[in-house]
Amino acid sequence: MTEPALTAELIADHGLTPEEYQRIEAILGRAPTYTELGIFSVMW
């Protein structure tokens, strides 16, 4: 199964701001997967 590209629109659809997404990248030390993005969006 192919994961969708993490676009600004998809990140916003998950209720995250660009700044929050940057914090997620800093925490992980890399870009999150689609699944991880969903988990962070629920926790945030």
C-alpha atoms as a PDB file:
ATOM      1  CA  MET A   1       0.000   0.000   0.000  1.00  0.00           C
ATOM      2  CA  THR A   2       1.367   3.383  -0.983  1.00  0.00           C
ATOM      3  CA  GLU A   3       1.145   6.141   1.588  1.00  0.00           C
ATOM      4  CA  PRO A   4      -0.059   9.570   0.437  1.00  0.00           C
ATOM      5  CA  ALA A   5       2.444  12.396   0.081  1.00  0.00           C
ATOM      6  CA  LEU A   6       2.575  14.659   3.124  1.00  0.00           C
ATOM      7  CA  THR A   7       1.495  17.935   1.577  1.00  0.00           C
ATOM      8  CA  ALA A   8       0.709  21.178   3.390  1.00  0.00           C
ATOM      9  CA  GLU A   9      -2.973  20.506   2.683  1.00  0.00           C
ATOM     10  CA  LEU A  10      -2.842  17.024   4.218  1.00  0.00           C
ATOM     11  CA  ILE A  11      -1.000  18.322   7.274  1.00  0.00           C
ATOM     12  CA  ALA A  12      -3.649  21.043   7.711  1.00  0.00           C
ATOM     13  CA  ASP A  13      -6.412  18.454   7.228  1.00  0.00           C
ATOM     14  CA  HIS A  14      -4.943  16.674  10.258  1.00  0.00           C
ATOM     15  CA  GLY A  15      -5.328  19.898  12.244  1.00  0.00           C
ATOM     16  CA  LEU A  16      -1.606  20.640  12.460  1.00  0.00           C
ATOM     17  CA  THR A  17       0.069  23.973  11.787  1.00  0.00           C
ATOM     18  CA  PRO A  18       3.316  24.199   9.796  1.00  0.00           C
ATOM     19  CA  GLU A  19       5.130  24.979  13.062  1.00  0.00           C
ATOM     20  CA  GLU A  20       3.714  21.883  14.748  1.00  0.00           C
ATOM     21  CA  TYR A  21       4.761  19.771  11.760  1.00  0.00           C
ATOM     22  CA  GLN A  22       8.301  21.166  12.053  1.00  0.00           C
ATOM     23  CA  ARG A  23       8.327  20.188  15.743  1.00  0.00           C
ATOM     24  CA  ILE A  24       7.276  16.658  14.802  1.00  0.00           C
ATOM     25  CA  GLU A  25      10.166  16.471  12.329  1.00  0.00           C
ATOM     26  CA  ALA A  26      12.554  17.721  15.023  1.00  0.00           C
ATOM     27  CA  ILE A  27      11.286  15.162  17.538  1.00  0.00           C
ATOM     28  CA  LEU A  28      11.628  12.270  15.084  1.00  0.00           C
ATOM     29  CA  GLY A  29      14.776  13.543  13.368  1.00  0.00           C
ATOM     30  CA  ARG A  30      13.049  12.901  10.032  1.00  0.00           C
ATOM     31  CA  ALA A  31       9.752  13.398   8.259  1.00  0.00           C
ATOM     32  CA  PRO A  32       6.921  11.376   9.800  1.00  0.00           C
ATOM     33  CA  THR A  33       5.122   8.614   7.963  1.00  0.00           C
ATOM     34  CA  TYR A  34       1.425   9.048   7.173  1.00  0.00           C
ATOM     35  CA  THR A  35       0.560   6.830  10.143  1.00  0.00           C
ATOM     36  CA  GLU A  36       2.827   8.778  12.493  1.00  0.00           C
ATOM     37  CA  LEU A  37       1.272  12.039  11.283  1.00  0.00           C
ATOM     38  CA  GLY A  38      -2.138  10.704  12.258  1.00  0.00           C
ATOM     39  CA  ILE A  39      -0.911   9.623  15.681  1.00  0.00           C
ATOM     40  CA  PHE A  40       0.693  12.994  16.385  1.00  0.00           C
ATOM     41  CA  SER A  41      -2.407  14.859  15.213  1.00  0.00           C
ATOM     42  CA  VAL A  42      -4.551  12.947  17.715  1.00  0.00           C
ATOM     43  CA  MET A  43      -2.067  13.499  20.537  1.00  0.00           C
ATOM     44  CA  TRP A  44      -1.480  17.202  19.850  1.00  0.00           C
END
